[in-house]
């Protein structure tokens, strides 16, 4: 098996489609299919099986993909380390994070990167699950509570505050509570609600997607803690006065030490740090808010467990 064979394997793994993989590699789908068949024949095992959602990697395929990703990363690191006459940052940078974080960056910060570095192709990978930086599945990652792993490190960017929002023109006490919901861990907004609402309180909606909560608030379904950077930009909702939860989550930028010396990584990291405040800070702290009703009055002293 040579590097060109591994490119076929990686393209199919990333797209889960023979036709899309062929398009990515600029070859005919029939050629891609023949080459995969030849690769599997040489290895004596099946790397991909057909499923309802496309081509699914097998256990043997995962081993092949892991080694292919390592080779790809080594090749990229070699290119990044070689002396170059033209040091203008250029090339592809893969950034992974929660979908709403990428949406905020794309909508309110990306123009600065494009204007200053038009030769950088930013690939935004929306996911709630991390991919390995160490084996080259991505270059940069933005996560809240995840610890660095596999040799990567994390740079704290700043705190993302949350606020309580209700539908515009509707008394906050008349609508139900909703909440961010993370099935893997109790994140700070969930802990705040646990500390300030009865244990058996029924929620009108639970979601791990802040935009879904924002849409539900705008539709009049209820009120919820959401990132202020989202609520402050939506004219359909209003921040509730009288309930000021000191809820915030610290966002970290993850990368690998071997990538930091790359000009394209350096300028992308610098861009994220430079726009963080404008994109994620509390933009409406001094704006008018809806009054909380008597049923919503709470005493809030700060984060519930020091997180």
Foldseek 3Di string as FASTA:
>chain_A
DDLVLLLLLQLCAVPLALCRSCVVVVHHSVVSVVSQVVVCVVVVHHQWDQDPVHTHGDPVVVVSNLVSLQVVVVVVLVVQPDDDPDQQAADEAEEEEAPVVVVLCVVQFVVVVCVVRVRYHYHYHHDPDDDDQLSHPGFKYKDFPDADDDQKHKDWQFKFWKFKKAFPPDAQVVAFEEEEDDPPDQAQQNQVCPVWDDPPGDGLYYHNDLVVVVVCRLVRRHMYIHGLLVVVVDPRMFTEPQDGAQDITIMIMMGHPSCCSRSNNVVVVVSCSVCVCVRRNNPCPPPDGHYHDPVPHDDHDYGDPPD
